């Protein structure tokens, strides 16, 4: 679906792409809201971070829709690719990790 909408955007413009995107996504929205509510309940969370591949309109639209339904939602700036780049850059740096005390140490 992303390819279809992206191709429409490139060939026919934003309006045509958005119209098609809405028709593809609309039938799934009710189920998406319920699934997010269930996941938040299961993990005890209050807020959901939404992302798409490059941090574009899809994630912003979904976060907006979730907020309209009373959920706390934000987007991941730059999308998944930016997050992945940040994580990989962290691997290259020295991390100071402190070992947690095990059960025997805590009892002393």
PDB file of N, CA and C in Angstrom:
ATOM      1  N   UNK A   1       0.832  -1.193   0.000  1.00  0.00           N
ATOM      2  CA  UNK A   1       0.000   0.000   0.000  1.00  0.00           C
ATOM      3  C   UNK A   1       0.878   1.258   0.000  1.00  0.00           C
ATOM      4  N   UNK A   2       1.986   1.196   0.751  1.00  0.00           N
ATOM      5  CA  UNK A   2       2.893   2.345   0.795  1.00  0.00           C
ATOM      6  C   UNK A   2       3.435   2.645  -0.596  1.00  0.00           C
ATOM      7  N   UNK A   3       3.746   1.609  -1.349  1.00  0.00           N
ATOM      8  CA  UNK A   3       4.275   1.781  -2.699  1.00  0.00           C
ATOM      9  C   UNK A   3       3.216   2.403  -3.610  1.00  0.00           C
ATOM     10  N   UNK A   4       1.989   1.919  -3.494  1.00  0.00           N
ATOM     11  CA  UNK A   4       0.894   2.448  -4.319  1.00  0.00           C
ATOM     12  C   UNK A   4       0.705   3.934  -4.053  1.00  0.00           C
ATOM     13  N   UNK A   5       0.626   4.303  -2.788  1.00  0.00           N
ATOM     14  CA  UNK A   5       0.409   5.704  -2.424  1.00  0.00           C
ATOM     15  C   UNK A   5       1.615   6.549  -2.814  1.00  0.00           C
ATOM     16  N   UNK A   6       2.812   6.041  -2.592  1.00  0.00           N
ATOM     17  CA  UNK A   6       4.018   6.775  -2.970  1.00  0.00           C
ATOM     18  C   UNK A   6       4.107   7.020  -4.463  1.00  0.00           C
ATOM     19  N   UNK A   7       3.744   6.021  -5.243  1.00  0.00           N
ATOM     20  CA  UNK A   7       3.764   6.167  -6.698  1.00  0.00           C
ATOM     21  C   UNK A   7       2.734   7.197  -7.141  1.00  0.00           C
ATOM     22  N   UNK A   8       1.546   7.140  -6.547  1.00  0.00           N
ATOM     23  CA  UNK A   8       0.528   8.143  -6.866  1.00  0.00           C
ATOM     24  C   UNK A   8       1.007   9.544  -6.526  1.00  0.00           C
ATOM     25  N   UNK A   9       1.660   9.685  -5.387  1.00  0.00           N
ATOM     26  CA  UNK A   9       2.174  10.992  -4.963  1.00  0.00           C
ATOM     27  C   UNK A   9       3.155  11.525  -6.006  1.00  0.00           C
ATOM     28  N   UNK A  10       4.060  10.666  -6.446  1.00  0.00           N
ATOM     29  CA  UNK A  10       5.071  11.081  -7.416  1.00  0.00           C
ATOM     30  C   UNK A  10       4.475  11.392  -8.782  1.00  0.00           C
ATOM     31  N   UNK A  11       3.474  10.613  -9.189  1.00  0.00           N
ATOM     32  CA  UNK A  11       2.933  10.752 -10.535  1.00  0.00           C
ATOM     33  C   UNK A  11       1.744  11.707 -10.641  1.00  0.00           C
ATOM     34  N   UNK A  12       0.902  11.766  -9.584  1.00  0.00           N
ATOM     35  CA  UNK A  12      -0.319  12.561  -9.686  1.00  0.00           C
ATOM     36  C   UNK A  12      -0.448  13.630  -8.617  1.00  0.00           C
ATOM     37  N   UNK A  13       0.439  13.622  -7.628  1.00  0.00           N
ATOM     38  CA  UNK A  13       0.412  14.675  -6.620  1.00  0.00           C
ATOM     39  C   UNK A  13      -0.162  14.232  -5.285  1.00  0.00           C
ATOM     40  N   UNK A  14      -0.052  15.151  -4.335  1.00  0.00           N
ATOM     41  CA  UNK A  14      -0.428  14.893  -2.946  1.00  0.00           C
ATOM     42  C   UNK A  14      -1.905  14.540  -2.779  1.00  0.00           C
ATOM     43  N   UNK A  15      -2.767  15.286  -3.436  1.00  0.00           N
ATOM     44  CA  UNK A  15      -4.208  15.087  -3.271  1.00  0.00           C
ATOM     45  C   UNK A  15      -4.644  13.691  -3.695  1.00  0.00           C
ATOM     46  N   UNK A  16      -4.173  13.226  -4.843  1.00  0.00           N
ATOM     47  CA  UNK A  16      -4.536  11.889  -5.318  1.00  0.00           C
ATOM     48  C   UNK A  16      -3.999  10.818  -4.372  1.00  0.00           C
ATOM     49  N   UNK A  17      -2.787  11.020  -3.887  1.00  0.00           N
ATOM     50  CA  UNK A  17      -2.188  10.050  -2.964  1.00  0.00           C
ATOM     51  C   UNK A  17      -2.962   9.993  -1.654  1.00  0.00           C
ATOM     52  N   UNK A  18      -3.337  11.144  -1.122  1.00  0.00           N
ATOM     53  CA  UNK A  18      -4.084  11.171   0.141  1.00  0.00           C
ATOM     54  C   UNK A  18      -5.458  10.533  -0.002  1.00  0.00           C
ATOM     55  N   UNK A  19      -6.115  10.789  -1.111  1.00  0.00           N
ATOM     56  CA  UNK A  19      -7.433  10.200  -1.334  1.00  0.00           C
ATOM     57  C   UNK A  19      -7.352   8.674  -1.341  1.00  0.00           C
ATOM     58  N   UNK A  20      -6.361   8.149  -2.023  1.00  0.00           N
ATOM     59  CA  UNK A  20      -6.185   6.698  -2.067  1.00  0.00           C
ATOM     60  C   UNK A  20      -5.783   6.153  -0.700  1.00  0.00           C
ATOM     61  N   UNK A  21      -4.891   6.843  -0.016  1.00  0.00           N
ATOM     62  CA  UNK A  21      -4.445   6.408   1.311  1.00  0.00           C
ATOM     63  C   UNK A  21      -5.618   6.321   2.282  1.00  0.00           C
ATOM     64  N   UNK A  22      -6.476   7.317   2.251  1.00  0.00           N
ATOM     65  CA  UNK A  22      -7.643   7.324   3.141  1.00  0.00           C
ATOM     66  C   UNK A  22      -8.555   6.144   2.830  1.00  0.00           C
ATOM     67  N   UNK A  23      -8.766   5.862   1.558  1.00  0.00           N
ATOM     68  CA  UNK A  23      -9.652   4.748   1.204  1.00  0.00           C
ATOM     69  C   UNK A  23      -9.041   3.402   1.608  1.00  0.00           C
ATOM     70  N   UNK A  24      -7.718   3.308   1.614  1.00  0.00           N
ATOM     71  CA  UNK A  24      -7.059   2.065   2.025  1.00  0.00           C
ATOM     72  C   UNK A  24      -7.070   1.875   3.540  1.00  0.00           C
ATOM     73  N   UNK A  25      -6.947   2.965   4.267  1.00  0.00           N
ATOM     74  CA  UNK A  25      -6.776   2.895   5.720  1.00  0.00           C
ATOM     75  C   UNK A  25      -8.104   2.941   6.480  1.00  0.00           C
ATOM     76  N   UNK A  26      -9.070   3.672   5.978  1.00  0.00           N
ATOM     77  CA  UNK A  26     -10.330   3.894   6.702  1.00  0.00           C
ATOM     78  C   UNK A  26     -10.957   2.615   7.266  1.00  0.00           C
ATOM     79  N   UNK A  27     -11.039   1.530   6.505  1.00  0.00           N
ATOM     80  CA  UNK A  27     -11.675   0.319   7.058  1.00  0.00           C
ATOM     81  C   UNK A  27     -10.924  -0.285   8.251  1.00  0.00           C
ATOM     82  N   UNK A  28      -9.664   0.074   8.433  1.00  0.00           N
ATOM     83  CA  UNK A  28      -8.838  -0.521   9.485  1.00  0.00           C
ATOM     84  C   UNK A  28      -8.788   0.311  10.762  1.00  0.00           C
ATOM     85  N   UNK A  29      -9.300   1.538  10.747  1.00  0.00           N
ATOM     86  CA  UNK A  29      -9.099   2.451  11.866  1.00  0.00           C
ATOM     87  C   UNK A  29      -9.731   1.990  13.175  1.00  0.00           C
ATOM     88  N   UNK A  30     -10.951   1.495  13.136  1.00  0.00           N
ATOM     89  CA  UNK A  30     -11.609   1.036  14.366  1.00  0.00           C
ATOM     90  C   UNK A  30     -10.822  -0.069  15.038  1.00  0.00           C
ATOM     91  N   UNK A  31     -10.362  -1.024  14.263  1.00  0.00           N
ATOM     92  CA  UNK A  31      -9.564  -2.112  14.799  1.00  0.00           C
ATOM     93  C   UNK A  31      -8.230  -1.638  15.338  1.00  0.00           C
ATOM     94  N   UNK A  32      -7.645  -0.644  14.695  1.00  0.00           N
ATOM     95  CA  UNK A  32      -6.366  -0.095  15.142  1.00  0.00           C
ATOM     96  C   UNK A  32      -6.502   0.562  16.513  1.00  0.00           C
ATOM     97  N   UNK A  33      -7.542   1.349  16.699  1.00  0.00           N
ATOM     98  CA  UNK A  33      -7.770   2.011  17.989  1.00  0.00           C
ATOM     99  C   UNK A  33      -7.944   0.967  19.086  1.00  0.00           C
ATOM    100  N   UNK A  34      -8.754  -0.044  18.823  1.00  0.00           N
ATOM    101  CA  UNK A  34      -8.981  -1.103  19.826  1.00  0.00           C
ATOM    102  C   UNK A  34      -7.688  -1.839  20.154  1.00  0.00           C
ATOM    103  N   UNK A  35      -6.874  -2.105  19.147  1.00  0.00           N
ATOM    104  CA  UNK A  35      -5.617  -2.811  19.366  1.00  0.00           C
ATOM    105  C   UNK A  35      -4.655  -1.976  20.213  1.00  0.00           C
ATOM    106  N   UNK A  36      -4.565  -0.687  19.938  1.00  0.00           N
ATOM    107  CA  UNK A  36      -3.698   0.193  20.731  1.00  0.00           C
ATOM    108  C   UNK A  36      -4.203   0.259  22.171  1.00  0.00           C
ATOM    109  N   UNK A  37      -5.511   0.388  22.346  1.00  0.00           N
ATOM    110  CA  UNK A  37      -6.070   0.406  23.704  1.00  0.00           C
ATOM    111  C   UNK A  37      -5.725  -0.879  24.455  1.00  0.00           C
ATOM    112  N   UNK A  38      -5.857  -2.006  23.784  1.00  0.00           N
ATOM    113  CA  UNK A  38      -5.554  -3.296  24.418  1.00  0.00           C
ATOM    114  C   UNK A  38      -4.066  -3.397  24.774  1.00  0.00           C
ATOM    115  N   UNK A  39      -3.197  -2.982  23.867  1.00  0.00           N
ATOM    116  CA  UNK A  39      -1.756  -3.042  24.131  1.00  0.00           C
ATOM    117  C   UNK A  39      -1.361  -2.141  25.292  1.00  0.00           C
ATOM    118  N   UNK A  40      -1.926  -0.941  25.348  1.00  0.00           N
ATOM    119  CA  UNK A  40      -1.628  -0.033  26.456  1.00  0.00           C
ATOM    120  C   UNK A  40      -2.101  -0.618  27.778  1.00  0.00           C
ATOM    121  N   UNK A  41      -3.258  -1.249  27.759  1.00  0.00           N
ATOM    122  CA  UNK A  41      -3.785  -1.872  28.974  1.00  0.00           C
ATOM    123  C   UNK A  41      -2.889  -3.032  29.418  1.00  0.00           C
ATOM    124  N   UNK A  42      -2.467  -3.853  28.475  1.00  0.00           N
ATOM    125  CA  UNK A  42      -1.634  -5.015  28.796  1.00  0.00           C
ATOM    126  C   UNK A  42      -0.276  -4.617  29.369  1.00  0.00           C
ATOM    127  N   UNK A  43       0.312  -3.550  28.832  1.00  0.00           N
ATOM    128  CA  UNK A  43       1.659  -3.177  29.291  1.00  0.00           C
ATOM    129  C   UNK A  43       1.621  -2.117  30.388  1.00  0.00           C
ATOM    130  N   UNK A  44       0.434  -1.639  30.726  1.00  0.00           N
ATOM    131  CA  UNK A  44       0.318  -0.628  31.765  1.00  0.00           C
ATOM    132  C   UNK A  44       0.812   0.735  31.323  1.00  0.00           C
ATOM    133  N   UNK A  45       0.888   0.936  30.034  1.00  0.00           N
ATOM    134  CA  UNK A  45       1.369   2.207  29.496  1.00  0.00           C
ATOM    135  C   UNK A  45       0.279   3.242  29.383  1.00  0.00           C
ATOM    136  N   UNK A  46       0.714   4.476  29.181  1.00  0.00           N
ATOM    137  CA  UNK A  46      -0.247   5.574  29.017  1.00  0.00           C
ATOM    138  C   UNK A  46      -0.125   6.214  27.636  1.00  0.00           C
ATOM    139  N   UNK A  47       1.058   6.124  27.045  1.00  0.00           N
ATOM    140  CA  UNK A  47       1.298   6.817  25.786  1.00  0.00           C
ATOM    141  C   UNK A  47       1.879   5.851  24.760  1.00  0.00           C
ATOM    142  N   UNK A  48       1.514   6.076  23.520  1.00  0.00           N
ATOM    143  CA  UNK A  48       2.035   5.257  22.429  1.00  0.00           C
ATOM    144  C   UNK A  48       2.818   6.163  21.482  1.00  0.00           C
ATOM    145  N   UNK A  49       3.964   5.690  21.046  1.00  0.00           N
ATOM    146  CA  UNK A  49       4.761   6.401  20.038  1.00  0.00           C
ATOM    147  C   UNK A  49       4.510   5.718  18.701  1.00  0.00           C
ATOM    148  N   UNK A  50       4.176   6.514  17.711  1.00  0.00           N
ATOM    149  CA  UNK A  50       3.837   5.999  16.393  1.00  0.00           C
ATOM    150  C   UNK A  50       4.943   6.407  15.432  1.00  0.00           C
ATOM    151  N   UNK A  51       5.323   5.485  14.561  1.00  0.00           N
ATOM    152  CA  UNK A  51       6.332   5.839  13.560  1.00  0.00           C
ATOM    153  C   UNK A  51       6.024   5.167  12.243  1.00  0.00           C
ATOM    154  N   UNK A  52       6.521   5.755  11.198  1.00  0.00           N
ATOM    155  CA  UNK A  52       6.510   5.101   9.904  1.00  0.00           C
ATOM    156  C   UNK A  52       7.962   5.060   9.422  1.00  0.00           C
ATOM    157  N   UNK A  53       8.171   4.627   8.252  1.00  0.00           N
ATOM    158  CA  UNK A  53       9.530   4.380   7.787  1.00  0.00           C
ATOM    159  C   UNK A  53      10.389   5.641   7.814  1.00  0.00           C
ATOM    160  N   UNK A  54       9.871   6.762   7.323  1.00  0.00           N
ATOM    161  CA  UNK A  54      10.669   7.976   7.268  1.00  0.00           C
ATOM    162  C   UNK A  54      10.100   9.124   8.089  1.00  0.00           C
ATOM    163  N   UNK A  55       9.100   8.876   8.888  1.00  0.00           N
ATOM    164  CA  UNK A  55       8.550   9.928   9.733  1.00  0.00           C
ATOM    165  C   UNK A  55       7.647  10.884   8.989  1.00  0.00           C
ATOM    166  N   UNK A  56       6.872  10.383   8.073  1.00  0.00           N
ATOM    167  CA  UNK A  56       6.023  11.227   7.244  1.00  0.00           C
ATOM    168  C   UNK A  56       4.599  11.360   7.730  1.00  0.00           C
ATOM    169  N   UNK A  57       3.717  11.503   6.776  1.00  0.00           N
ATOM    170  CA  UNK A  57       2.321  11.796   7.062  1.00  0.00           C
ATOM    171  C   UNK A  57       1.580  10.646   7.722  1.00  0.00           C
ATOM    172  N   UNK A  58       1.941   9.415   7.427  1.00  0.00           N
ATOM    173  CA  UNK A  58       1.187   8.274   7.964  1.00  0.00           C
ATOM    174  C   UNK A  58       1.213   8.254   9.479  1.00  0.00           C
ATOM    175  N   UNK A  59       2.403   8.372  10.049  1.00  0.00           N
ATOM    176  CA  UNK A  59       2.489   8.309  11.514  1.00  0.00           C
ATOM    177  C   UNK A  59       1.792   9.499  12.152  1.00  0.00           C
ATOM    178  N   UNK A  60       1.939  10.671  11.567  1.00  0.00           N
ATOM    179  CA  UNK A  60       1.264  11.846  12.100  1.00  0.00           C
ATOM    180  C   UNK A  60      -0.243  11.717  12.052  1.00  0.00           C
ATOM    181  N   UNK A  61      -0.748  11.148  10.977  1.00  0.00           N
ATOM    182  CA  UNK A  61      -2.188  10.957  10.836  1.00  0.00           C
ATOM    183  C   UNK A  61      -2.718   9.955  11.852  1.00  0.00           C
ATOM    184  N   UNK A  62      -1.988   8.879  12.057  1.00  0.00           N
ATOM    185  CA  UNK A  62      -2.423   7.864  13.020  1.00  0.00           C
ATOM    186  C   UNK A  62      -2.372   8.427  14.440  1.00  0.00           C
ATOM    187  N   UNK A  63      -1.300   9.151  14.770  1.00  0.00           N
ATOM    188  CA  UNK A  63      -1.200   9.752  16.106  1.00  0.00           C
ATOM    189  C   UNK A  63      -2.344  10.743  16.333  1.00  0.00           C
ATOM    190  N   UNK A  64      -2.661  11.534  15.335  1.00  0.00           N
ATOM    191  CA  UNK A  64      -3.767  12.489  15.422  1.00  0.00           C
ATOM    192  C   UNK A  64      -5.082  11.758  15.689  1.00  0.00           C
ATOM    193  N   UNK A  65      -5.326  10.675  14.950  1.00  0.00           N
ATOM    194  CA  UNK A  65      -6.552   9.910  15.111  1.00  0.00           C
ATOM    195  C   UNK A  65      -6.624   9.278  16.504  1.00  0.00           C
ATOM    196  N   UNK A  66      -5.500   8.759  17.006  1.00  0.00           N
ATOM    197  CA  UNK A  66      -5.490   8.173  18.345  1.00  0.00           C
ATOM    198  C   UNK A  66      -5.783   9.239  19.402  1.00  0.00           C
ATOM    199  N   UNK A  67      -5.227  10.437  19.226  1.00  0.00           N
ATOM    200  CA  UNK A  67      -5.503  11.527  20.176  1.00  0.00           C
ATOM    201  C   UNK A  67      -6.974  11.920  20.140  1.00  0.00           C
ATOM    202  N   UNK A  68      -7.582  11.892  18.962  1.00  0.00           N
ATOM    203  CA  UNK A  68      -9.016  12.185  18.858  1.00  0.00           C
ATOM    204  C   UNK A  68      -9.852  11.183  19.651  1.00  0.00           C
ATOM    205  N   UNK A  69      -9.333   9.977  19.810  1.00  0.00           N
ATOM    206  CA  UNK A  69     -10.017   8.933  20.577  1.00  0.00           C
ATOM    207  C   UNK A  69      -9.606   8.941  22.044  1.00  0.00           C
ATOM    208  N   UNK A  70      -8.927   9.997  22.476  1.00  0.00           N
ATOM    209  CA  UNK A  70      -8.593  10.155  23.883  1.00  0.00           C
ATOM    210  C   UNK A  70      -7.322   9.461  24.339  1.00  0.00           C
ATOM    211  N   UNK A  71      -6.539   8.961  23.422  1.00  0.00           N
ATOM    212  CA  UNK A  71      -5.282   8.299  23.774  1.00  0.00           C
ATOM    213  C   UNK A  71      -4.123   9.289  23.686  1.00  0.00           C
ATOM    214  N   UNK A  72      -3.102   9.074  24.501  1.00  0.00           N
ATOM    215  CA  UNK A  72      -1.896   9.896  24.407  1.00  0.00           C
ATOM    216  C   UNK A  72      -1.008   9.277  23.337  1.00  0.00           C
ATOM    217  N   UNK A  73      -0.723  10.027  22.291  1.00  0.00           N
ATOM    218  CA  UNK A  73       0.078   9.512  21.185  1.00  0.00           C
ATOM    219  C   UNK A  73       1.037  10.583  20.688  1.00  0.00           C
ATOM    220  N   UNK A  74       2.225  10.156  20.346  1.00  0.00           N
ATOM    221  CA  UNK A  74       3.212  11.063  19.765  1.00  0.00           C
ATOM    222  C   UNK A  74       3.861  10.352  18.584  1.00  0.00           C
ATOM    223  N   UNK A  75       4.610  11.093  17.802  1.00  0.00           N
ATOM    224  CA  UNK A  75       5.321  10.496  16.678  1.00  0.00           C
ATOM    225  C   UNK A  75       6.811  10.468  16.969  1.00  0.00           C
ATOM    226  N   UNK A  76       7.484   9.538  16.360  1.00  0.00           N
ATOM    227  CA  UNK A  76       8.922   9.390  16.479  1.00  0.00           C
ATOM    228  C   UNK A  76       9.559  10.283  15.419  1.00  0.00           C
ATOM    229  N   UNK A  77      10.203  11.366  15.844  1.00  0.00           N
ATOM    230  CA  UNK A  77      10.778  12.334  14.909  1.00  0.00           C
ATOM    231  C   UNK A  77      11.757  11.655  13.961  1.00  0.00           C
ATOM    232  N   UNK A  78      11.530  11.820  12.684  1.00  0.00           N
ATOM    233  CA  UNK A  78      12.418  11.230  11.689  1.00  0.00           C
ATOM    234  C   UNK A  78      12.081   9.794  11.328  1.00  0.00           C
ATOM    235  N   UNK A  79      11.104   9.221  12.025  1.00  0.00           N
ATOM    236  CA  UNK A  79      10.670   7.867  11.716  1.00  0.00           C
ATOM    237  C   UNK A  79      11.635   6.799  12.183  1.00  0.00           C
ATOM    238  N   UNK A  80      11.346   5.589  11.759  1.00  0.00           N
ATOM    239  CA  UNK A  80      12.129   4.429  12.166  1.00  0.00           C
ATOM    240  C   UNK A  80      13.581   4.551  11.725  1.00  0.00           C
ATOM    241  N   UNK A  81      13.800   5.059  10.516  1.00  0.00           N
ATOM    242  CA  UNK A  81      15.173   5.153  10.010  1.00  0.00           C
ATOM    243  C   UNK A  81      16.035   6.044  10.898  1.00  0.00           C
ATOM    244  N   UNK A  82      15.495   7.164  11.356  1.00  0.00           N
ATOM    245  CA  UNK A  82      16.252   8.056  12.236  1.00  0.00           C
ATOM    246  C   UNK A  82      16.512   7.384  13.577  1.00  0.00           C
ATOM    247  N   UNK A  83      15.520   6.674  14.112  1.00  0.00           N
ATOM    248  CA  UNK A  83      15.683   5.966  15.378  1.00  0.00           C
ATOM    249  C   UNK A  83      16.752   4.885  15.244  1.00  0.00           C
ATOM    250  N   UNK A  84      16.693   4.127  14.165  1.00  0.00           N
ATOM    251  CA  UNK A  84      17.679   3.063  13.944  1.00  0.00           C
ATOM    252  C   UNK A  84      19.079   3.645  13.817  1.00  0.00           C
ATOM    253  N   UNK A  85      19.222   4.739  13.109  1.00  0.00           N
ATOM    254  CA  UNK A  85      20.525   5.394  12.974  1.00  0.00           C
ATOM    255  C   UNK A  85      21.055   5.812  14.332  1.00  0.00           C
ATOM    256  N   UNK A  86      20.179   6.363  15.182  1.00  0.00           N
ATOM    257  CA  UNK A  86      20.589   6.770  16.524  1.00  0.00           C
ATOM    258  C   UNK A  86      21.043   5.565  17.344  1.00  0.00           C
ATOM    259  N   UNK A  87      20.267   4.467  17.295  1.00  0.00           N
ATOM    260  CA  UNK A  87      20.624   3.266  18.057  1.00  0.00           C
ATOM    261  C   UNK A  87      21.976   2.731  17.606  1.00  0.00           C
ATOM    262  N   UNK A  88      22.182   2.649  16.303  1.00  0.00           N
ATOM    263  CA  UNK A  88      23.456   2.137  15.779  1.00  0.00           C
ATOM    264  C   UNK A  88      24.605   3.041  16.218  1.00  0.00           C
ATOM    265  N   UNK A  89      24.397   4.354  16.233  1.00  0.00           N
ATOM    266  CA  UNK A  89      25.465   5.262  16.667  1.00  0.00           C
ATOM    267  C   UNK A  89      25.802   5.055  18.141  1.00  0.00           C
ATOM    268  N   UNK A  90      24.826   4.660  18.929  1.00  0.00           N
ATOM    269  CA  UNK A  90      25.076   4.388  20.347  1.00  0.00           C
ATOM    270  C   UNK A  90      25.972   3.171  20.527  1.00  0.00           C
ATOM    271  N   UNK A  91      25.878   2.212  19.620  1.00  0.00           N
ATOM    272  CA  UNK A  91      26.722   1.023  19.717  1.00  0.00           C
ATOM    273  C   UNK A  91      28.189   1.387  19.556  1.00  0.00           C
ATOM    274  N   UNK A  92      28.451   2.459  18.828  1.00  0.00           N
ATOM    275  CA  UNK A  92      29.829   2.863  18.577  1.00  0.00           C
ATOM    276  C   UNK A  92      30.433   3.648  19.732  1.00  0.00           C
ATOM    277  N   UNK A  93      29.622   4.054  20.679  1.00  0.00           N
ATOM    278  CA  UNK A  93      30.132   4.840  21.804  1.00  0.00           C
ATOM    279  C   UNK A  93      30.339   3.938  23.015  1.00  0.00           C
ATOM    280  N   UNK A  94      31.140   4.403  23.928  1.00  0.00           N
ATOM    281  CA  UNK A  94      31.379   3.651  25.152  1.00  0.00           C
ATOM    282  C   UNK A  94      30.176   3.828  26.076  1.00  0.00           C
ATOM    283  N   UNK A  95      29.583   2.742  26.461  1.00  0.00           N
ATOM    284  CA  UNK A  95      28.462   2.796  27.384  1.00  0.00           C
ATOM    285  C   UNK A  95      28.941   2.376  28.764  1.00  0.00           C
ATOM    286  N   UNK A  96      28.582   3.156  29.759  1.00  0.00           N
ATOM    287  CA  UNK A  96      28.901   2.777  31.127  1.00  0.00           C
ATOM    288  C   UNK A  96      27.697   2.030  31.687  1.00  0.00           C
ATOM    289  N   UNK A  97      27.868   0.746  31.918  1.00  0.00           N
ATOM    290  CA  UNK A  97      26.784  -0.094  32.402  1.00  0.00           C
ATOM    291  C   UNK A  97      27.127  -0.555  33.801  1.00  0.00           C
ATOM    292  N   UNK A  98      26.222  -0.326  34.711  1.00  0.00           N
ATOM    293  CA  UNK A  98      26.417  -0.747  36.091  1.00  0.00           C
ATOM    294  C   UNK A  98      25.629  -2.029  36.311  1.00  0.00           C
ATOM    295  N   UNK A  99      26.302  -3.039  36.821  1.00  0.00           N
ATOM    296  CA  UNK A  99      25.654  -4.315  37.068  1.00  0.00           C
ATOM    297  C   UNK A  99      24.752  -4.189  38.287  1.00  0.00           C
ATOM    298  N   UNK A 100      23.534  -4.679  38.143  1.00  0.00           N
ATOM    299  CA  UNK A 100      22.594  -4.667  39.264  1.00  0.00           C
ATOM    300  C   UNK A 100      22.992  -5.744  40.254  1.00  0.00           C
ATOM    301  N   UNK A 101      22.741  -5.488  41.516  1.00  0.00           N
ATOM    302  CA  UNK A 101      23.032  -6.476  42.560  1.00  0.00           C
ATOM    303  C   UNK A 101      22.131  -7.687  42.376  1.00  0.00           C
ATOM    304  N   UNK A 102      22.714  -8.880  42.570  1.00  0.00           N
ATOM    305  CA  UNK A 102      21.882 -10.071  42.498  1.00  0.00           C
ATOM    306  C   UNK A 102      21.184 -10.272  43.849  1.00  0.00           C
ATOM    307  N   UNK A 103      20.341 -11.274  43.942  1.00  0.00           N
ATOM    308  CA  UNK A 103      19.521 -11.492  45.138  1.00  0.00           C
ATOM    309  C   UNK A 103      20.378 -11.665  46.393  1.00  0.00           C
ATOM    310  N   UNK A 104      21.494 -12.385  46.276  1.00  0.00           N
ATOM    311  CA  UNK A 104      22.352 -12.636  47.440  1.00  0.00           C
ATOM    312  C   UNK A 104      22.974 -11.335  47.940  1.00  0.00           C
ATOM    313  N   UNK A 105      23.398 -10.487  47.036  1.00  0.00           N
ATOM    314  CA  UNK A 105      23.996  -9.210  47.424  1.00  0.00           C
ATOM    315  C   UNK A 105      22.965  -8.281  48.070  1.00  0.00           C
ATOM    316  N   UNK A 106      21.727  -8.337  47.576  1.00  0.00           N
ATOM    317  CA  UNK A 106      20.679  -7.460  48.112  1.00  0.00           C
ATOM    318  C   UNK A 106      20.327  -7.854  49.552  1.00  0.00           C
ATOM    319  N   UNK A 107      20.429  -9.147  49.872  1.00  0.00           N
ATOM    320  CA  UNK A 107      20.077  -9.632  51.200  1.00  0.00           C
ATOM    321  C   UNK A 107      21.103  -9.245  52.258  1.00  0.00           C
ATOM    322  N   UNK A 108      22.282  -8.820  51.862  1.00  0.00           N
ATOM    323  CA  UNK A 108      23.335  -8.507  52.833  1.00  0.00           C
ATOM    324  C   UNK A 108      23.250  -7.105  53.340  1.00  0.00           C
TER     325      UNK A 108
END
